[in-house]
Amino acid sequence: PGLPESAICVQRFDDSRNSAIHITYRTSLRSSSMREPRDPLLKVIFIYYIHNIK
């Protein structure tokens, strides 16, 4: 008892964190494409985070 509730809480937290990272990732891609063609390190870091959450 109590496990489903905590699972739902964790799932909600993961979803909100995931969407926040996707928004940050898109924003960083847009701003970095204005400044420079690409920021490989930033890209790798964000992809690493996204894969870790999944």
PDB file of N, CA and C in Angstrom:
ATOM      1  N   PRO A   1       0.842  -1.222   0.000  1.00  0.00           N
ATOM      2  CA  PRO A   1       0.000   0.000   0.000  1.00  0.00           C
ATOM      3  C   PRO A   1       0.868   1.260   0.000  1.00  0.00           C
ATOM      4  N   GLY A   2       0.433   2.259  -0.761  1.00  0.00           N
ATOM      5  CA  GLY A   2       1.191   3.509  -0.821  1.00  0.00           C
ATOM      6  C   GLY A   2       2.153   3.564  -2.004  1.00  0.00           C
ATOM      7  N   LEU A   3       2.475   2.408  -2.553  1.00  0.00           N
ATOM      8  CA  LEU A   3       3.401   2.386  -3.690  1.00  0.00           C
ATOM      9  C   LEU A   3       2.834   3.056  -4.934  1.00  0.00           C
ATOM     10  N   PRO A   4       1.588   2.793  -5.327  1.00  0.00           N
ATOM     11  CA  PRO A   4       1.039   3.458  -6.519  1.00  0.00           C
ATOM     12  C   PRO A   4       1.074   4.981  -6.405  1.00  0.00           C
ATOM     13  N   GLU A   5       0.773   5.507  -5.223  1.00  0.00           N
ATOM     14  CA  GLU A   5       0.787   6.967  -5.041  1.00  0.00           C
ATOM     15  C   GLU A   5       2.171   7.532  -5.307  1.00  0.00           C
ATOM     16  N   SER A   6       3.187   6.926  -4.710  1.00  0.00           N
ATOM     17  CA  SER A   6       4.546   7.426  -4.899  1.00  0.00           C
ATOM     18  C   SER A   6       4.976   7.274  -6.356  1.00  0.00           C
ATOM     19  N   ALA A   7       4.530   6.209  -7.004  1.00  0.00           N
ATOM     20  CA  ALA A   7       4.864   6.006  -8.412  1.00  0.00           C
ATOM     21  C   ALA A   7       4.270   7.119  -9.269  1.00  0.00           C
ATOM     22  N   ILE A   8       3.032   7.514  -8.947  1.00  0.00           N
ATOM     23  CA  ILE A   8       2.373   8.589  -9.688  1.00  0.00           C
ATOM     24  C   ILE A   8       3.119   9.906  -9.462  1.00  0.00           C
ATOM     25  N   CYS A   9       3.536  10.155  -8.228  1.00  0.00           N
ATOM     26  CA  CYS A   9       4.277  11.381  -7.924  1.00  0.00           C
ATOM     27  C   CYS A   9       5.590  11.431  -8.703  1.00  0.00           C
ATOM     28  N   VAL A  10       6.292  10.316  -8.724  1.00  0.00           N
ATOM     29  CA  VAL A  10       7.563  10.259  -9.451  1.00  0.00           C
ATOM     30  C   VAL A  10       7.325  10.474 -10.942  1.00  0.00           C
ATOM     31  N   GLN A  11       6.271   9.861 -11.463  1.00  0.00           N
ATOM     32  CA  GLN A  11       5.961   9.994 -12.887  1.00  0.00           C
ATOM     33  C   GLN A  11       5.662  11.446 -13.239  1.00  0.00           C
ATOM     34  N   ARG A  12       4.884  12.122 -12.401  1.00  0.00           N
ATOM     35  CA  ARG A  12       4.572  13.536 -12.648  1.00  0.00           C
ATOM     36  C   ARG A  12       5.831  14.376 -12.620  1.00  0.00           C
ATOM     37  N   PHE A  13       6.697  14.102 -11.650  1.00  0.00           N
ATOM     38  CA  PHE A  13       7.946  14.851 -11.538  1.00  0.00           C
ATOM     39  C   PHE A  13       8.803  14.641 -12.781  1.00  0.00           C
ATOM     40  N   ASP A  14       8.905  13.400 -13.235  1.00  0.00           N
ATOM     41  CA  ASP A  14       9.693  13.092 -14.429  1.00  0.00           C
ATOM     42  C   ASP A  14       9.125  13.790 -15.664  1.00  0.00           C
ATOM     43  N   ASP A  15       7.803  13.785 -15.802  1.00  0.00           N
ATOM     44  CA  ASP A  15       7.170  14.416 -16.962  1.00  0.00           C
ATOM     45  C   ASP A  15       7.459  15.910 -16.992  1.00  0.00           C
ATOM     46  N   SER A  16       7.308  16.579 -15.847  1.00  0.00           N
ATOM     47  CA  SER A  16       7.525  18.022 -15.811  1.00  0.00           C
ATOM     48  C   SER A  16       8.991  18.347 -16.059  1.00  0.00           C
ATOM     49  N   ARG A  17       9.879  17.525 -15.497  1.00  0.00           N
ATOM     50  CA  ARG A  17      11.304  17.764 -15.702  1.00  0.00           C
ATOM     51  C   ARG A  17      11.671  17.509 -17.159  1.00  0.00           C
ATOM     52  N   ASN A  18      11.082  16.479 -17.739  1.00  0.00           N
ATOM     53  CA  ASN A  18      11.352  16.127 -19.129  1.00  0.00           C
ATOM     54  C   ASN A  18      10.933  17.259 -20.066  1.00  0.00           C
ATOM     55  N   SER A  19       9.719  17.793 -19.876  1.00  0.00           N
ATOM     56  CA  SER A  19       9.230  18.867 -20.735  1.00  0.00           C
ATOM     57  C   SER A  19      10.065  20.125 -20.539  1.00  0.00           C
ATOM     58  N   ALA A  20      10.486  20.393 -19.301  1.00  0.00           N
ATOM     59  CA  ALA A  20      11.321  21.565 -19.033  1.00  0.00           C
ATOM     60  C   ALA A  20      12.652  21.454 -19.767  1.00  0.00           C
ATOM     61  N   ILE A  21      13.223  20.260 -19.773  1.00  0.00           N
ATOM     62  CA  ILE A  21      14.507  20.057 -20.462  1.00  0.00           C
ATOM     63  C   ILE A  21      14.326  20.179 -21.973  1.00  0.00           C
ATOM     64  N   HIS A  22      13.208  19.664 -22.490  1.00  0.00           N
ATOM     65  CA  HIS A  22      12.954  19.792 -23.926  1.00  0.00           C
ATOM     66  C   HIS A  22      12.814  21.254 -24.329  1.00  0.00           C
ATOM     67  N   ILE A  23      12.118  22.056 -23.503  1.00  0.00           N
ATOM     68  CA  ILE A  23      11.960  23.489 -23.785  1.00  0.00           C
ATOM     69  C   ILE A  23      13.319  24.173 -23.754  1.00  0.00           C
ATOM     70  N   THR A  24      14.120  23.880 -22.721  1.00  0.00           N
ATOM     71  CA  THR A  24      15.457  24.470 -22.613  1.00  0.00           C
ATOM     72  C   THR A  24      16.318  24.059 -23.798  1.00  0.00           C
ATOM     73  N   TYR A  25      16.191  22.794 -24.197  1.00  0.00           N
ATOM     74  CA  TYR A  25      16.975  22.261 -25.311  1.00  0.00           C
ATOM     75  C   TYR A  25      16.634  22.993 -26.606  1.00  0.00           C
ATOM     76  N   ARG A  26      15.327  23.195 -26.848  1.00  0.00           N
ATOM     77  CA  ARG A  26      14.895  23.896 -28.060  1.00  0.00           C
ATOM     78  C   ARG A  26      15.369  25.343 -28.040  1.00  0.00           C
ATOM     79  N   THR A  27      15.232  25.993 -26.885  1.00  0.00           N
ATOM     80  CA  THR A  27      15.653  27.388 -26.765  1.00  0.00           C
ATOM     81  C   THR A  27      17.151  27.518 -26.994  1.00  0.00           C
ATOM     82  N   SER A  28      17.925  26.602 -26.421  1.00  0.00           N
ATOM     83  CA  SER A  28      19.378  26.662 -26.564  1.00  0.00           C
ATOM     84  C   SER A  28      19.780  26.412 -28.017  1.00  0.00           C
ATOM     85  N   LEU A  29      19.080  25.515 -28.697  1.00  0.00           N
ATOM     86  CA  LEU A  29      19.371  25.266 -30.110  1.00  0.00           C
ATOM     87  C   LEU A  29      19.116  26.528 -30.935  1.00  0.00           C
ATOM     88  N   ARG A  30      18.005  27.215 -30.637  1.00  0.00           N
ATOM     89  CA  ARG A  30      17.648  28.409 -31.388  1.00  0.00           C
ATOM     90  C   ARG A  30      18.679  29.514 -31.155  1.00  0.00           C
ATOM     91  N   SER A  31      19.034  29.753 -29.877  1.00  0.00           N
ATOM     92  CA  SER A  31      19.954  30.839 -29.559  1.00  0.00           C
ATOM     93  C   SER A  31      21.368  30.524 -30.057  1.00  0.00           C
ATOM     94  N   SER A  32      21.770  29.257 -29.982  1.00  0.00           N
ATOM     95  CA  SER A  32      23.117  28.899 -30.419  1.00  0.00           C
ATOM     96  C   SER A  32      23.222  28.959 -31.947  1.00  0.00           C
ATOM     97  N   SER A  33      22.119  28.711 -32.653  1.00  0.00           N
ATOM     98  CA  SER A  33      22.155  28.793 -34.111  1.00  0.00           C
ATOM     99  C   SER A  33      22.230  30.252 -34.569  1.00  0.00           C
ATOM    100  N   MET A  34      21.743  31.174 -33.725  1.00  0.00           N
ATOM    101  CA  MET A  34      21.904  32.601 -34.027  1.00  0.00           C
ATOM    102  C   MET A  34      23.358  33.018 -33.818  1.00  0.00           C
ATOM    103  N   ARG A  35      23.947  32.593 -32.687  1.00  0.00           N
ATOM    104  CA  ARG A  35      25.310  32.970 -32.334  1.00  0.00           C
ATOM    105  C   ARG A  35      26.315  32.243 -33.216  1.00  0.00           C
ATOM    106  N   GLU A  36      26.264  30.925 -33.173  1.00  0.00           N
ATOM    107  CA  GLU A  36      27.198  30.089 -33.932  1.00  0.00           C
ATOM    108  C   GLU A  36      26.398  29.046 -34.706  1.00  0.00           C
ATOM    109  N   PRO A  37      27.040  28.346 -35.643  1.00  0.00           N
ATOM    110  CA  PRO A  37      26.341  27.273 -36.358  1.00  0.00           C
ATOM    111  C   PRO A  37      25.866  26.179 -35.406  1.00  0.00           C
ATOM    112  N   ARG A  38      26.746  25.776 -34.458  1.00  0.00           N
ATOM    113  CA  ARG A  38      26.389  24.697 -33.530  1.00  0.00           C
ATOM    114  C   ARG A  38      27.195  24.797 -32.249  1.00  0.00           C
ATOM    115  N   ASP A  39      26.614  24.280 -31.174  1.00  0.00           N
ATOM    116  CA  ASP A  39      27.347  24.167 -29.912  1.00  0.00           C
ATOM    117  C   ASP A  39      27.354  22.690 -29.537  1.00  0.00           C
ATOM    118  N   PRO A  40      28.360  21.938 -29.998  1.00  0.00           N
ATOM    119  CA  PRO A  40      28.329  20.475 -29.852  1.00  0.00           C
ATOM    120  C   PRO A  40      28.276  20.017 -28.401  1.00  0.00           C
ATOM    121  N   LEU A  41      29.027  20.681 -27.525  1.00  0.00           N
ATOM    122  CA  LEU A  41      29.065  20.265 -26.122  1.00  0.00           C
ATOM    123  C   LEU A  41      27.691  20.397 -25.483  1.00  0.00           C
ATOM    124  N   LEU A  42      27.038  21.530 -25.709  1.00  0.00           N
ATOM    125  CA  LEU A  42      25.701  21.756 -25.158  1.00  0.00           C
ATOM    126  C   LEU A  42      24.728  20.705 -25.673  1.00  0.00           C
ATOM    127  N   LYS A  43      24.829  20.412 -26.959  1.00  0.00           N
ATOM    128  CA  LYS A  43      23.955  19.416 -27.575  1.00  0.00           C
ATOM    129  C   LYS A  43      24.142  18.050 -26.915  1.00  0.00           C
ATOM    130  N   VAL A  44      25.392  17.660 -26.729  1.00  0.00           N
ATOM    131  CA  VAL A  44      25.702  16.363 -26.117  1.00  0.00           C
ATOM    132  C   VAL A  44      25.166  16.296 -24.694  1.00  0.00           C
ATOM    133  N   ILE A  45      25.339  17.384 -23.935  1.00  0.00           N
ATOM    134  CA  ILE A  45      24.864  17.413 -22.544  1.00  0.00           C
ATOM    135  C   ILE A  45      23.355  17.236 -22.495  1.00  0.00           C
ATOM    136  N   PHE A  46      22.621  17.950 -23.328  1.00  0.00           N
ATOM    137  CA  PHE A  46      21.159  17.859 -23.301  1.00  0.00           C
ATOM    138  C   PHE A  46      20.673  16.493 -23.770  1.00  0.00           C
ATOM    139  N   ILE A  47      21.287  15.951 -24.796  1.00  0.00           N
ATOM    140  CA  ILE A  47      20.896  14.618 -25.269  1.00  0.00           C
ATOM    141  C   ILE A  47      21.161  13.585 -24.178  1.00  0.00           C
ATOM    142  N   TYR A  48      22.280  13.742 -23.478  1.00  0.00           N
ATOM    143  CA  TYR A  48      22.616  12.839 -22.369  1.00  0.00           C
ATOM    144  C   TYR A  48      21.549  12.901 -21.281  1.00  0.00           C
ATOM    145  N   TYR A  49      21.113  14.116 -20.915  1.00  0.00           N
ATOM    146  CA  TYR A  49      20.060  14.274 -19.902  1.00  0.00           C
ATOM    147  C   TYR A  49      18.760  13.620 -20.354  1.00  0.00           C
ATOM    148  N   ILE A  50      18.371  13.859 -21.591  1.00  0.00           N
ATOM    149  CA  ILE A  50      17.097  13.335 -22.099  1.00  0.00           C
ATOM    150  C   ILE A  50      17.115  11.808 -22.090  1.00  0.00           C
ATOM    151  N   HIS A  51      18.237  11.209 -22.488  1.00  0.00           N
ATOM    152  CA  HIS A  51      18.318   9.742 -22.492  1.00  0.00           C
ATOM    153  C   HIS A  51      18.299   9.187 -21.076  1.00  0.00           C
ATOM    154  N   ASN A  52      18.902   9.909 -20.127  1.00  0.00           N
ATOM    155  CA  ASN A  52      18.918   9.439 -18.743  1.00  0.00           C
ATOM    156  C   ASN A  52      17.531   9.448 -18.136  1.00  0.00           C
ATOM    157  N   ILE A  53      16.709  10.420 -18.484  1.00  0.00           N
ATOM    158  CA  ILE A  53      15.350  10.503 -17.941  1.00  0.00           C
ATOM    159  C   ILE A  53      14.503   9.361 -18.478  1.00  0.00           C
ATOM    160  N   LYS A  54      14.631   9.072 -19.755  1.00  0.00           N
ATOM    161  CA  LYS A  54      13.879   7.952 -20.341  1.00  0.00           C
ATOM    162  C   LYS A  54      14.419   6.641 -19.785  1.00  0.00           C
TER     163      LYS A  54
END
